[in-house]
Amino acid sequence: MAPITRFAAFKYKPGTTNEQKRASLDGLLKLYEENAHLVNYGPRGGRNNNPEGFDKGFDVVFTVQFKDKTARDEFIPDPKHVAYKMSIMDIVADVIVYDFEEGDYGY
């Protein structure tokens, strides 16, 4: 089966401190370290530096590559993943999560 790439972006709520943002990032890194058996790489990301203005206000974007759909589907309900999502809900205003198989455009 083909690898699945996850693109995810977080938009923090106004007033979120840098310490809270750092804790969110540290939690994300730890989550994927603990689930390294499911991924080829991840997370890779950073903040926007494109001057065109199409960032939609998102603060940070990252990608992760799961080994395949089975690995991604194992990750989604993982208790550590669910706990991480719940831990950041108070500081995140919006999230995009988009999973895709490279080259599969659906047409």
PDB file of N, CA and C in Angstrom:
ATOM      1  N   MET A   1       0.843  -1.189   0.000  1.00  0.00           N
ATOM      2  CA  MET A   1       0.000   0.000   0.000  1.00  0.00           C
ATOM      3  C   MET A   1       0.881   1.242   0.000  1.00  0.00           C
ATOM      4  N   ALA A   2       0.353   2.297  -0.576  1.00  0.00           N
ATOM      5  CA  ALA A   2       1.092   3.552  -0.717  1.00  0.00           C
ATOM      6  C   ALA A   2       1.117   4.337   0.590  1.00  0.00           C
ATOM      7  N   PRO A   3       2.172   5.130   0.787  1.00  0.00           N
ATOM      8  CA  PRO A   3       2.221   6.007   1.958  1.00  0.00           C
ATOM      9  C   PRO A   3       1.105   7.055   1.898  1.00  0.00           C
ATOM     10  N   ILE A   4       0.710   7.537   3.070  1.00  0.00           N
ATOM     11  CA  ILE A   4      -0.289   8.596   3.197  1.00  0.00           C
ATOM     12  C   ILE A   4       0.395   9.800   3.832  1.00  0.00           C
ATOM     13  N   THR A   5       0.333  10.932   3.148  1.00  0.00           N
ATOM     14  CA  THR A   5       0.900  12.172   3.678  1.00  0.00           C
ATOM     15  C   THR A   5      -0.203  12.979   4.342  1.00  0.00           C
ATOM     16  N   ARG A   6       0.074  13.423   5.547  1.00  0.00           N
ATOM     17  CA  ARG A   6      -0.859  14.287   6.278  1.00  0.00           C
ATOM     18  C   ARG A   6      -0.310  15.707   6.266  1.00  0.00           C
ATOM     19  N   PHE A   7      -1.159  16.639   5.829  1.00  0.00           N
ATOM     20  CA  PHE A   7      -0.900  18.074   5.915  1.00  0.00           C
ATOM     21  C   PHE A   7      -1.818  18.581   7.012  1.00  0.00           C
ATOM     22  N   ALA A   8      -1.270  19.257   7.991  1.00  0.00           N
ATOM     23  CA  ALA A   8      -2.093  19.802   9.072  1.00  0.00           C
ATOM     24  C   ALA A   8      -1.633  21.219   9.389  1.00  0.00           C
ATOM     25  N   ALA A   9      -2.605  22.059   9.733  1.00  0.00           N
ATOM     26  CA  ALA A   9      -2.317  23.457  10.065  1.00  0.00           C
ATOM     27  C   ALA A   9      -3.128  23.847  11.296  1.00  0.00           C
ATOM     28  N   PHE A  10      -2.508  24.630  12.168  1.00  0.00           N
ATOM     29  CA  PHE A  10      -3.158  25.134  13.374  1.00  0.00           C
ATOM     30  C   PHE A  10      -3.220  26.652  13.317  1.00  0.00           C
ATOM     31  N   LYS A  11      -4.372  27.184  13.723  1.00  0.00           N
ATOM     32  CA  LYS A  11      -4.532  28.627  13.917  1.00  0.00           C
ATOM     33  C   LYS A  11      -4.829  28.813  15.404  1.00  0.00           C
ATOM     34  N   TYR A  12      -3.926  29.493  16.098  1.00  0.00           N
ATOM     35  CA  TYR A  12      -4.104  29.673  17.527  1.00  0.00           C
ATOM     36  C   TYR A  12      -5.086  30.795  17.825  1.00  0.00           C
ATOM     37  N   LYS A  13      -5.779  30.675  18.957  1.00  0.00           N
ATOM     38  CA  LYS A  13      -6.710  31.704  19.399  1.00  0.00           C
ATOM     39  C   LYS A  13      -5.926  32.945  19.812  1.00  0.00           C
ATOM     40  N   PRO A  14      -6.533  34.133  19.646  1.00  0.00           N
ATOM     41  CA  PRO A  14      -5.878  35.348  20.131  1.00  0.00           C
ATOM     42  C   PRO A  14      -5.574  35.204  21.626  1.00  0.00           C
ATOM     43  N   GLY A  15      -4.422  35.683  22.027  1.00  0.00           N
ATOM     44  CA  GLY A  15      -4.020  35.618  23.421  1.00  0.00           C
ATOM     45  C   GLY A  15      -3.231  34.377  23.787  1.00  0.00           C
ATOM     46  N   THR A  16      -3.096  33.443  22.843  1.00  0.00           N
ATOM     47  CA  THR A  16      -2.291  32.252  23.113  1.00  0.00           C
ATOM     48  C   THR A  16      -0.835  32.682  23.271  1.00  0.00           C
ATOM     49  N   THR A  17      -0.224  32.285  24.353  1.00  0.00           N
ATOM     50  CA  THR A  17       1.152  32.702  24.629  1.00  0.00           C
ATOM     51  C   THR A  17       2.148  31.839  23.857  1.00  0.00           C
ATOM     52  N   ASN A  18       3.347  32.354  23.729  1.00  0.00           N
ATOM     53  CA  ASN A  18       4.403  31.572  23.094  1.00  0.00           C
ATOM     54  C   ASN A  18       4.697  30.289  23.879  1.00  0.00           C
ATOM     55  N   GLU A  19       4.554  30.353  25.190  1.00  0.00           N
ATOM     56  CA  GLU A  19       4.773  29.171  26.014  1.00  0.00           C
ATOM     57  C   GLU A  19       3.721  28.096  25.707  1.00  0.00           C
ATOM     58  N   GLN A  20       2.477  28.516  25.526  1.00  0.00           N
ATOM     59  CA  GLN A  20       1.422  27.564  25.168  1.00  0.00           C
ATOM     60  C   GLN A  20       1.663  26.975  23.779  1.00  0.00           C
ATOM     61  N   LYS A  21       2.090  27.820  22.852  1.00  0.00           N
ATOM     62  CA  LYS A  21       2.391  27.343  21.500  1.00  0.00           C
ATOM     63  C   LYS A  21       3.541  26.342  21.534  1.00  0.00           C
ATOM     64  N   ARG A  22       4.560  26.633  22.325  1.00  0.00           N
ATOM     65  CA  ARG A  22       5.709  25.731  22.438  1.00  0.00           C
ATOM     66  C   ARG A  22       5.293  24.399  23.049  1.00  0.00           C
ATOM     67  N   ALA A  23       4.440  24.458  24.072  1.00  0.00           N
ATOM     68  CA  ALA A  23       3.958  23.229  24.698  1.00  0.00           C
ATOM     69  C   ALA A  23       3.147  22.398  23.701  1.00  0.00           C
ATOM     70  N   SER A  24       2.364  23.073  22.866  1.00  0.00           N
ATOM     71  CA  SER A  24       1.596  22.383  21.826  1.00  0.00           C
ATOM     72  C   SER A  24       2.528  21.686  20.842  1.00  0.00           C
ATOM     73  N   LEU A  25       3.566  22.379  20.414  1.00  0.00           N
ATOM     74  CA  LEU A  25       4.543  21.797  19.493  1.00  0.00           C
ATOM     75  C   LEU A  25       5.291  20.641  20.142  1.00  0.00           C
ATOM     76  N   ASP A  26       5.717  20.827  21.379  1.00  0.00           N
ATOM     77  CA  ASP A  26       6.422  19.748  22.087  1.00  0.00           C
ATOM     78  C   ASP A  26       5.544  18.501  22.200  1.00  0.00           C
ATOM     79  N   GLY A  27       4.265  18.709  22.477  1.00  0.00           N
ATOM     80  CA  GLY A  27       3.336  17.589  22.550  1.00  0.00           C
ATOM     81  C   GLY A  27       3.174  16.888  21.221  1.00  0.00           C
ATOM     82  N   LEU A  28       3.146  17.666  20.142  1.00  0.00           N
ATOM     83  CA  LEU A  28       3.035  17.101  18.801  1.00  0.00           C
ATOM     84  C   LEU A  28       4.258  16.254  18.472  1.00  0.00           C
ATOM     85  N   LEU A  29       5.433  16.786  18.744  1.00  0.00           N
ATOM     86  CA  LEU A  29       6.668  16.044  18.477  1.00  0.00           C
ATOM     87  C   LEU A  29       6.714  14.741  19.279  1.00  0.00           C
ATOM     88  N   LYS A  30       6.325  14.817  20.547  1.00  0.00           N
ATOM     89  CA  LYS A  30       6.315  13.632  21.407  1.00  0.00           C
ATOM     90  C   LYS A  30       5.318  12.598  20.885  1.00  0.00           C
ATOM     91  N   LEU A  31       4.155  13.058  20.456  1.00  0.00           N
ATOM     92  CA  LEU A  31       3.129  12.154  19.931  1.00  0.00           C
ATOM     93  C   LEU A  31       3.660  11.325  18.776  1.00  0.00           C
ATOM     94  N   TYR A  32       4.344  11.978  17.839  1.00  0.00           N
ATOM     95  CA  TYR A  32       4.855  11.238  16.692  1.00  0.00           C
ATOM     96  C   TYR A  32       6.094  10.406  17.035  1.00  0.00           C
ATOM     97  N   GLU A  33       6.867  10.833  18.011  1.00  0.00           N
ATOM     98  CA  GLU A  33       7.983   9.994  18.478  1.00  0.00           C
ATOM     99  C   GLU A  33       7.448   8.690  19.065  1.00  0.00           C
ATOM    100  N   GLU A  34       6.367   8.802  19.835  1.00  0.00           N
ATOM    101  CA  GLU A  34       5.776   7.622  20.461  1.00  0.00           C
ATOM    102  C   GLU A  34       5.078   6.713  19.444  1.00  0.00           C
ATOM    103  N   ASN A  35       4.771   7.242  18.281  1.00  0.00           N
ATOM    104  CA  ASN A  35       4.116   6.469  17.225  1.00  0.00           C
ATOM    105  C   ASN A  35       5.015   6.316  16.005  1.00  0.00           C
ATOM    106  N   ALA A  36       6.322   6.327  16.222  1.00  0.00           N
ATOM    107  CA  ALA A  36       7.290   6.257  15.121  1.00  0.00           C
ATOM    108  C   ALA A  36       7.124   5.010  14.264  1.00  0.00           C
ATOM    109  N   HIS A  37       6.616   3.952  14.833  1.00  0.00           N
ATOM    110  CA  HIS A  37       6.418   2.714  14.070  1.00  0.00           C
ATOM    111  C   HIS A  37       5.347   2.855  12.987  1.00  0.00           C
ATOM    112  N   LEU A  38       4.555   3.929  13.037  1.00  0.00           N
ATOM    113  CA  LEU A  38       3.477   4.137  12.065  1.00  0.00           C
ATOM    114  C   LEU A  38       3.853   5.093  10.933  1.00  0.00           C
ATOM    115  N   VAL A  39       4.988   5.801  11.080  1.00  0.00           N
ATOM    116  CA  VAL A  39       5.316   6.855  10.115  1.00  0.00           C
ATOM    117  C   VAL A  39       6.669   6.634   9.442  1.00  0.00           C
ATOM    118  N   ASN A  40       6.781   7.160   8.224  1.00  0.00           N
ATOM    119  CA  ASN A  40       8.064   7.188   7.518  1.00  0.00           C
ATOM    120  C   ASN A  40       8.867   8.409   7.939  1.00  0.00           C
ATOM    121  N   TYR A  41       8.170   9.510   8.171  1.00  0.00           N
ATOM    122  CA  TYR A  41       8.786  10.724   8.709  1.00  0.00           C
ATOM    123  C   TYR A  41       7.707  11.576   9.333  1.00  0.00           C
ATOM    124  N   GLY A  42       8.171  12.481  10.183  1.00  0.00           N
ATOM    125  CA  GLY A  42       7.248  13.455  10.710  1.00  0.00           C
ATOM    126  C   GLY A  42       7.588  13.860  12.121  1.00  0.00           C
ATOM    127  N   PRO A  43       7.023  14.948  12.531  1.00  0.00           N
ATOM    128  CA  PRO A  43       6.474  15.988  11.678  1.00  0.00           C
ATOM    129  C   PRO A  43       7.565  16.913  11.130  1.00  0.00           C
ATOM    130  N   ARG A  44       7.312  17.403   9.945  1.00  0.00           N
ATOM    131  CA  ARG A  44       8.154  18.425   9.310  1.00  0.00           C
ATOM    132  C   ARG A  44       7.280  19.647   9.104  1.00  0.00           C
ATOM    133  N   GLY A  45       7.762  20.800   9.511  1.00  0.00           N
ATOM    134  CA  GLY A  45       6.910  21.975   9.349  1.00  0.00           C
ATOM    135  C   GLY A  45       7.552  23.239   9.846  1.00  0.00           C
ATOM    136  N   GLY A  46       6.713  24.255   9.994  1.00  0.00           N
ATOM    137  CA  GLY A  46       7.167  25.551  10.459  1.00  0.00           C
ATOM    138  C   GLY A  46       6.090  26.596  10.270  1.00  0.00           C
ATOM    139  N   ARG A  47       6.499  27.843  10.443  1.00  0.00           N
ATOM    140  CA  ARG A  47       5.562  28.955  10.265  1.00  0.00           C
ATOM    141  C   ARG A  47       5.680  29.499   8.847  1.00  0.00           C
ATOM    142  N   ASN A  48       4.650  30.169   8.414  1.00  0.00           N
ATOM    143  CA  ASN A  48       4.589  30.700   7.068  1.00  0.00           C
ATOM    144  C   ASN A  48       5.612  31.820   6.866  1.00  0.00           C
ATOM    145  N   ASN A  49       6.255  31.820   5.707  1.00  0.00           N
ATOM    146  CA  ASN A  49       7.118  32.946   5.342  1.00  0.00           C
ATOM    147  C   ASN A  49       6.853  33.397   3.910  1.00  0.00           C
ATOM    148  N   ASN A  50       5.682  33.026   3.375  1.00  0.00           N
ATOM    149  CA  ASN A  50       5.294  33.436   2.025  1.00  0.00           C
ATOM    150  C   ASN A  50       4.633  34.806   2.092  1.00  0.00           C
ATOM    151  N   PRO A  51       5.111  35.782   1.308  1.00  0.00           N
ATOM    152  CA  PRO A  51       4.585  37.138   1.391  1.00  0.00           C
ATOM    153  C   PRO A  51       3.294  37.387   0.614  1.00  0.00           C
ATOM    154  N   GLU A  52       2.740  36.365  -0.045  1.00  0.00           N
ATOM    155  CA  GLU A  52       1.572  36.586  -0.892  1.00  0.00           C
ATOM    156  C   GLU A  52       0.269  36.804  -0.132  1.00  0.00           C
ATOM    157  N   GLY A  53       0.212  36.410   1.138  1.00  0.00           N
ATOM    158  CA  GLY A  53      -0.971  36.670   1.948  1.00  0.00           C
ATOM    159  C   GLY A  53      -2.074  35.631   1.857  1.00  0.00           C
ATOM    160  N   PHE A  54      -1.755  34.419   1.461  1.00  0.00           N
ATOM    161  CA  PHE A  54      -2.772  33.374   1.335  1.00  0.00           C
ATOM    162  C   PHE A  54      -2.751  32.372   2.484  1.00  0.00           C
ATOM    163  N   ASP A  55      -2.160  32.735   3.605  1.00  0.00           N
ATOM    164  CA  ASP A  55      -2.000  31.811   4.729  1.00  0.00           C
ATOM    165  C   ASP A  55      -3.274  31.617   5.540  1.00  0.00           C
ATOM    166  N   LYS A  56      -4.307  32.415   5.300  1.00  0.00           N
ATOM    167  CA  LYS A  56      -5.596  32.295   5.997  1.00  0.00           C
ATOM    168  C   LYS A  56      -5.467  32.420   7.512  1.00  0.00           C
ATOM    169  N   GLY A  57      -4.367  33.017   7.969  1.00  0.00           N
ATOM    170  CA  GLY A  57      -4.185  33.238   9.394  1.00  0.00           C
ATOM    171  C   GLY A  57      -3.671  32.046  10.177  1.00  0.00           C
ATOM    172  N   PHE A  58      -3.295  30.963   9.491  1.00  0.00           N
ATOM    173  CA  PHE A  58      -2.784  29.804  10.205  1.00  0.00           C
ATOM    174  C   PHE A  58      -1.365  30.098  10.690  1.00  0.00           C
ATOM    175  N   ASP A  59      -1.082  29.628  11.898  1.00  0.00           N
ATOM    176  CA  ASP A  59       0.189  29.929  12.554  1.00  0.00           C
ATOM    177  C   ASP A  59       1.292  28.932  12.251  1.00  0.00           C
ATOM    178  N   VAL A  60       0.929  27.676  12.103  1.00  0.00           N
ATOM    179  CA  VAL A  60       1.928  26.631  11.897  1.00  0.00           C
ATOM    180  C   VAL A  60       1.335  25.520  11.031  1.00  0.00           C
ATOM    181  N   VAL A  61       2.186  24.958  10.187  1.00  0.00           N
ATOM    182  CA  VAL A  61       1.794  23.868   9.298  1.00  0.00           C
ATOM    183  C   VAL A  61       2.831  22.771   9.434  1.00  0.00           C
ATOM    184  N   PHE A  62       2.380  21.524   9.343  1.00  0.00           N
ATOM    185  CA  PHE A  62       3.335  20.432   9.329  1.00  0.00           C
ATOM    186  C   PHE A  62       2.840  19.308   8.428  1.00  0.00           C
ATOM    187  N   THR A  63       3.765  18.462   8.018  1.00  0.00           N
ATOM    188  CA  THR A  63       3.426  17.246   7.293  1.00  0.00           C
ATOM    189  C   THR A  63       4.011  16.053   8.033  1.00  0.00           C
ATOM    190  N   VAL A  64       3.350  14.937   7.857  1.00  0.00           N
ATOM    191  CA  VAL A  64       3.776  13.647   8.385  1.00  0.00           C
ATOM    192  C   VAL A  64       3.474  12.641   7.293  1.00  0.00           C
ATOM    193  N   GLN A  65       4.332  11.651   7.131  1.00  0.00           N
ATOM    194  CA  GLN A  65       4.023  10.597   6.175  1.00  0.00           C
ATOM    195  C   GLN A  65       3.829   9.274   6.917  1.00  0.00           C
ATOM    196  N   PHE A  66       2.591   8.786   6.880  1.00  0.00           N
ATOM    197  CA  PHE A  66       2.274   7.482   7.456  1.00  0.00           C
ATOM    198  C   PHE A  66       2.732   6.396   6.488  1.00  0.00           C
ATOM    199  N   LYS A  67       3.069   5.255   7.009  1.00  0.00           N
ATOM    200  CA  LYS A  67       3.544   4.149   6.173  1.00  0.00           C
ATOM    201  C   LYS A  67       2.504   3.728   5.139  1.00  0.00           C
ATOM    202  N   ASP A  68       1.232   3.781   5.531  1.00  0.00           N
ATOM    203  CA  ASP A  68       0.139   3.423   4.630  1.00  0.00           C
ATOM    204  C   ASP A  68      -1.188   3.776   5.310  1.00  0.00           C
ATOM    205  N   LYS A  69      -2.307   3.478   4.642  1.00  0.00           N
ATOM    206  CA  LYS A  69      -3.622   3.799   5.208  1.00  0.00           C
ATOM    207  C   LYS A  69      -3.881   3.048   6.510  1.00  0.00           C
ATOM    208  N   THR A  70      -3.411   1.824   6.576  1.00  0.00           N
ATOM    209  CA  THR A  70      -3.603   1.035   7.795  1.00  0.00           C
ATOM    210  C   THR A  70      -2.936   1.713   8.988  1.00  0.00           C
ATOM    211  N   ALA A  71      -1.717   2.205   8.795  1.00  0.00           N
ATOM    212  CA  ALA A  71      -1.000   2.904   9.868  1.00  0.00           C
ATOM    213  C   ALA A  71      -1.726   4.187  10.254  1.00  0.00           C
ATOM    214  N   ARG A  72      -2.182   4.938   9.263  1.00  0.00           N
ATOM    215  CA  ARG A  72      -2.935   6.173   9.549  1.00  0.00           C
ATOM    216  C   ARG A  72      -4.209   5.846  10.312  1.00  0.00           C
ATOM    217  N   ASP A  73      -4.907   4.805   9.880  1.00  0.00           N
ATOM    218  CA  ASP A  73      -6.158   4.428  10.534  1.00  0.00           C
ATOM    219  C   ASP A  73      -5.933   3.904  11.949  1.00  0.00           C
ATOM    220  N   GLU A  74      -4.767   3.352  12.226  1.00  0.00           N
ATOM    221  CA  GLU A  74      -4.410   2.940  13.582  1.00  0.00           C
ATOM    222  C   GLU A  74      -4.103   4.161  14.450  1.00  0.00           C
ATOM    223  N   PHE A  75      -3.506   5.177  13.853  1.00  0.00           N
ATOM    224  CA  PHE A  75      -3.116   6.387  14.578  1.00  0.00           C
ATOM    225  C   PHE A  75      -4.326   7.216  15.013  1.00  0.00           C
ATOM    226  N   ILE A  76      -5.322   7.349  14.151  1.00  0.00           N
ATOM    227  CA  ILE A  76      -6.449   8.255  14.421  1.00  0.00           C
ATOM    228  C   ILE A  76      -7.116   7.987  15.767  1.00  0.00           C
ATOM    229  N   PRO A  77      -7.510   6.742  16.095  1.00  0.00           N
ATOM    230  CA  PRO A  77      -8.167   6.527  17.394  1.00  0.00           C
ATOM    231  C   PRO A  77      -7.205   6.264  18.553  1.00  0.00           C
ATOM    232  N   ASP A  78      -5.897   6.300  18.297  1.00  0.00           N
ATOM    233  CA  ASP A  78      -4.925   6.029  19.351  1.00  0.00           C
ATOM    234  C   ASP A  78      -5.184   6.941  20.545  1.00  0.00           C
ATOM    235  N   PRO A  79      -5.250   6.411  21.754  1.00  0.00           N
ATOM    236  CA  PRO A  79      -5.542   7.238  22.929  1.00  0.00           C
ATOM    237  C   PRO A  79      -4.584   8.420  23.106  1.00  0.00           C
ATOM    238  N   LYS A  80      -3.319   8.254  22.742  1.00  0.00           N
ATOM    239  CA  LYS A  80      -2.374   9.374  22.866  1.00  0.00           C
ATOM    240  C   LYS A  80      -2.711  10.480  21.868  1.00  0.00           C
ATOM    241  N   HIS A  81      -3.146  10.102  20.673  1.00  0.00           N
ATOM    242  CA  HIS A  81      -3.545  11.091  19.670  1.00  0.00           C
ATOM    243  C   HIS A  81      -4.800  11.833  20.132  1.00  0.00           C
ATOM    244  N   VAL A  82      -5.778  11.086  20.618  1.00  0.00           N
ATOM    245  CA  VAL A  82      -7.013  11.704  21.114  1.00  0.00           C
ATOM    246  C   VAL A  82      -6.699  12.644  22.277  1.00  0.00           C
ATOM    247  N   ALA A  83      -5.851  12.211  23.190  1.00  0.00           N
ATOM    248  CA  ALA A  83      -5.480  13.056  24.339  1.00  0.00           C
ATOM    249  C   ALA A  83      -4.763  14.323  23.879  1.00  0.00           C
ATOM    250  N   TYR A  84      -3.890  14.199  22.881  1.00  0.00           N
ATOM    251  CA  TYR A  84      -3.192  15.381  22.372  1.00  0.00           C
ATOM    252  C   TYR A  84      -4.196  16.366  21.784  1.00  0.00           C
ATOM    253  N   LYS A  85      -5.102  15.881  20.957  1.00  0.00           N
ATOM    254  CA  LYS A  85      -6.106  16.774  20.358  1.00  0.00           C
ATOM    255  C   LYS A  85      -6.887  17.511  21.436  1.00  0.00           C
ATOM    256  N   MET A  86      -7.313  16.785  22.447  1.00  0.00           N
ATOM    257  CA  MET A  86      -8.087  17.411  23.526  1.00  0.00           C
ATOM    258  C   MET A  86      -7.249  18.426  24.294  1.00  0.00           C
ATOM    259  N   SER A  87      -5.945  18.188  24.412  1.00  0.00           N
ATOM    260  CA  SER A  87      -5.081  19.082  25.189  1.00  0.00           C
ATOM    261  C   SER A  87      -4.867  20.437  24.530  1.00  0.00           C
ATOM    262  N   ILE A  88      -5.081  20.528  23.220  1.00  0.00           N
ATOM    263  CA  ILE A  88      -4.840  21.810  22.539  1.00  0.00           C
ATOM    264  C   ILE A  88      -6.123  22.549  22.170  1.00  0.00           C
ATOM    265  N   MET A  89      -7.273  21.968  22.430  1.00  0.00           N
ATOM    266  CA  MET A  89      -8.535  22.579  21.998  1.00  0.00           C
ATOM    267  C   MET A  89      -8.770  23.963  22.605  1.00  0.00           C
ATOM    268  N   ASP A  90      -8.273  24.213  23.793  1.00  0.00           N
ATOM    269  CA  ASP A  90      -8.473  25.519  24.430  1.00  0.00           C
ATOM    270  C   ASP A  90      -7.674  26.633  23.769  1.00  0.00           C
ATOM    271  N   ILE A  91      -6.634  26.293  23.015  1.00  0.00           N
ATOM    272  CA  ILE A  91      -5.789  27.336  22.415  1.00  0.00           C
ATOM    273  C   ILE A  91      -5.877  27.388  20.895  1.00  0.00           C
ATOM    274  N   VAL A  92      -6.573  26.429  20.290  1.00  0.00           N
ATOM    275  CA  VAL A  92      -6.642  26.365  18.831  1.00  0.00           C
ATOM    276  C   VAL A  92      -8.006  26.848  18.350  1.00  0.00           C
ATOM    277  N   ALA A  93      -7.968  27.836  17.454  1.00  0.00           N
ATOM    278  CA  ALA A  93      -9.195  28.395  16.892  1.00  0.00           C
ATOM    279  C   ALA A  93      -9.658  27.619  15.663  1.00  0.00           C
ATOM    280  N   ASP A  94      -8.714  27.083  14.901  1.00  0.00           N
ATOM    281  CA  ASP A  94      -9.053  26.374  13.677  1.00  0.00           C
ATOM    282  C   ASP A  94      -7.948  25.380  13.343  1.00  0.00           C
ATOM    283  N   VAL A  95      -8.341  24.301  12.688  1.00  0.00           N
ATOM    284  CA  VAL A  95      -7.409  23.246  12.302  1.00  0.00           C
ATOM    285  C   VAL A  95      -7.781  22.763  10.907  1.00  0.00           C
ATOM    286  N   ILE A  96      -6.766  22.464  10.122  1.00  0.00           N
ATOM    287  CA  ILE A  96      -6.961  21.761   8.855  1.00  0.00           C
ATOM    288  C   ILE A  96      -6.163  20.468   8.955  1.00  0.00           C
ATOM    289  N   VAL A  97      -6.798  19.359   8.641  1.00  0.00           N
ATOM    290  CA  VAL A  97      -6.096  18.082   8.522  1.00  0.00           C
ATOM    291  C   VAL A  97      -6.506  17.497   7.183  1.00  0.00           C
ATOM    292  N   TYR A  98      -5.517  17.237   6.337  1.00  0.00           N
ATOM    293  CA  TYR A  98      -5.774  16.764   4.978  1.00  0.00           C
ATOM    294  C   TYR A  98      -4.806  15.632   4.694  1.00  0.00           C
ATOM    295  N   ASP A  99      -5.341  14.442   4.497  1.00  0.00           N
ATOM    296  CA  ASP A  99      -4.523  13.270   4.217  1.00  0.00           C
ATOM    297  C   ASP A  99      -4.649  12.918   2.737  1.00  0.00           C
ATOM    298  N   PHE A 100      -3.512  12.567   2.112  1.00  0.00           N
ATOM    299  CA  PHE A 100      -3.570  12.221   0.694  1.00  0.00           C
ATOM    300  C   PHE A 100      -2.516  11.192   0.331  1.00  0.00           C
ATOM    301  N   GLU A 101      -2.820  10.487  -0.752  1.00  0.00           N
ATOM    302  CA  GLU A 101      -1.878   9.568  -1.369  1.00  0.00           C
ATOM    303  C   GLU A 101      -1.286  10.301  -2.567  1.00  0.00           C
ATOM    304  N   GLU A 102       0.031  10.418  -2.589  1.00  0.00           N
ATOM    305  CA  GLU A 102       0.692  11.176  -3.636  1.00  0.00           C
ATOM    306  C   GLU A 102       0.295  10.669  -5.019  1.00  0.00           C
ATOM    307  N   GLY A 103      -0.093  11.605  -5.873  1.00  0.00           N
ATOM    308  CA  GLY A 103      -0.460  11.297  -7.251  1.00  0.00           C
ATOM    309  C   GLY A 103      -1.912  10.884  -7.438  1.00  0.00           C
ATOM    310  N   ASP A 104      -2.664  10.669  -6.371  1.00  0.00           N
ATOM    311  CA  ASP A 104      -4.077  10.298  -6.480  1.00  0.00           C
ATOM    312  C   ASP A 104      -4.920  11.561  -6.374  1.00  0.00           C
ATOM    313  N   TYR A 105      -5.341  12.050  -7.526  1.00  0.00           N
ATOM    314  CA  TYR A 105      -6.151  13.274  -7.577  1.00  0.00           C
ATOM    315  C   TYR A 105      -7.632  12.979  -7.688  1.00  0.00           C
ATOM    316  N   GLY A 106      -7.998  11.723  -7.769  1.00  0.00           N
ATOM    317  CA  GLY A 106      -9.400  11.354  -7.782  1.00  0.00           C
ATOM    318  C   GLY A 106     -10.087  11.467  -9.125  1.00  0.00           C
ATOM    319  N   TYR A 107      -9.346  11.761 -10.157  1.00  0.00           N
ATOM    320  CA  TYR A 107      -9.933  11.825 -11.501  1.00  0.00           C
ATOM    321  C   TYR A 107      -8.933  11.348 -12.517  1.00  0.00           C
TER     322      TYR A 107
END
